Amino acid sequence: MTIKVPRLWEPVNNKMLRRCAARFPADRVHIIDWNWAASRHSAEWLYDDGAHLRPAGARAFARIINDGIARAYPPLLKPGPSPV
């Protein structure tokens, strides 16, 4: 899962995650892109510090994780409505 935090190391860590995932077959490693989703809903989902979740952000975070697992392992979970 990518990160969303207003720190210099955010893009470095997200890039590292993607590069590492690319070294494995696509059906073995799945990246959940929290950074992409949270960047589009910062005011609604994140407090002013840009890192900590508001209640709506916590719900979206849980849904995005659930949906990511459901896409990677369809028999385990059913995706719900997307918060984005």
Protein backbone atom coordinates (compact mmCIF):
# COMPACT_ATOMS: atom_id res chain seq x y z
CA MET A 1 0.00 0.00 0.00
CA THR A 2 1.36 3.37 -1.00
CA ILE A 3 1.57 6.12 1.58
CA LYS A 4 0.18 9.64 1.74
CA VAL A 5 2.10 11.89 4.09
CA PRO A 6 3.54 15.37 3.54
CA ARG A 7 7.16 14.33 4.00
CA LEU A 8 10.12 14.32 1.65
CA TRP A 9 10.35 10.54 1.87
CA GLU A 10 6.78 9.93 0.62
CA PRO A 11 7.60 9.75 -3.13
CA VAL A 12 10.79 7.78 -2.48
CA ASN A 13 8.93 5.14 -0.49
CA ASN A 14 6.07 4.90 -2.98
CA LYS A 15 8.53 4.53 -5.85
CA MET A 16 10.41 1.82 -3.94
CA LEU A 17 7.17 -0.10 -3.35
CA ARG A 18 6.28 0.02 -7.04
CA ARG A 19 9.78 -1.01 -8.15
CA CYS A 20 9.82 -3.90 -5.72
CA ALA A 21 6.35 -5.05 -6.82
CA ALA A 22 7.41 -4.90 -10.48
CA ARG A 23 10.04 -7.55 -9.79
CA PHE A 24 7.34 -10.15 -9.17
CA PRO A 25 4.54 -11.58 -11.32
CA ALA A 26 1.50 -9.28 -11.39
CA ASP A 27 -0.71 -12.01 -9.95
CA ARG A 28 1.57 -12.34 -6.91
CA VAL A 29 1.99 -8.71 -5.77
CA HIS A 30 -0.71 -6.07 -5.77
CA ILE A 31 -0.18 -2.43 -4.85
CA ILE A 32 -3.07 -0.66 -3.16
CA ASP A 33 -2.69 2.98 -4.14
CA TRP A 34 -3.73 4.96 -1.08
CA ASN A 35 -1.60 7.89 -2.26
CA TRP A 36 -3.59 8.26 -5.47
CA ALA A 37 -6.96 8.07 -3.73
CA ALA A 38 -6.08 10.26 -0.74
CA SER A 39 -4.50 12.90 -2.97
CA ARG A 40 -7.85 13.40 -4.67
CA HIS A 41 -9.78 13.74 -1.40
CA SER A 42 -7.27 15.40 0.95
CA ALA A 43 -9.65 18.00 2.39
CA GLU A 44 -12.37 15.42 3.10
CA TRP A 45 -10.21 12.53 4.28
CA LEU A 46 -7.18 14.08 5.98
CA TYR A 47 -6.76 16.52 8.82
CA ASP A 48 -4.76 19.68 8.19
CA ASP A 49 -1.48 17.89 8.94
CA GLY A 50 -2.00 15.95 5.69
CA ALA A 51 -1.31 12.59 7.32
CA HIS A 52 -3.93 11.70 9.92
CA LEU A 53 -7.35 10.48 8.87
CA ARG A 54 -10.66 12.16 9.46
CA PRO A 55 -13.57 9.75 10.07
CA ALA A 56 -14.45 9.81 6.35
CA GLY A 57 -10.81 9.08 5.55
CA ALA A 58 -10.75 6.13 7.94
CA ARG A 59 -13.80 4.66 6.23
CA ALA A 60 -12.25 5.22 2.80
CA PHE A 61 -8.94 3.72 3.96
CA ALA A 62 -10.70 0.56 5.18
CA ARG A 63 -12.79 0.32 1.99
CA ILE A 64 -9.72 0.74 -0.24
CA ILE A 65 -7.90 -2.02 1.64
CA ASN A 66 -10.97 -4.27 1.44
CA ASP A 67 -11.38 -3.61 -2.28
CA GLY A 68 -7.68 -4.18 -2.94
CA ILE A 69 -7.83 -7.56 -1.22
CA ALA A 70 -11.04 -8.43 -3.05
CA ARG A 71 -9.43 -7.65 -6.42
CA ALA A 72 -6.33 -9.68 -5.57
CA TYR A 73 -8.25 -12.62 -4.07
CA PRO A 74 -11.80 -12.55 -5.47
CA PRO A 75 -13.09 -15.58 -3.55
CA LEU A 76 -12.25 -13.97 -0.18
CA LEU A 77 -14.05 -10.62 -0.20
CA LYS A 78 -16.61 -8.81 -2.29
CA PRO A 79 -15.67 -5.23 -3.29
CA GLY A 80 -18.02 -2.55 -1.98
CA PRO A 81 -18.89 0.80 -3.49
CA SER A 82 -15.76 2.81 -4.15
CA PRO A 83 -15.20 5.91 -1.99
CA VAL A 84 -13.36 7.63 -4.84
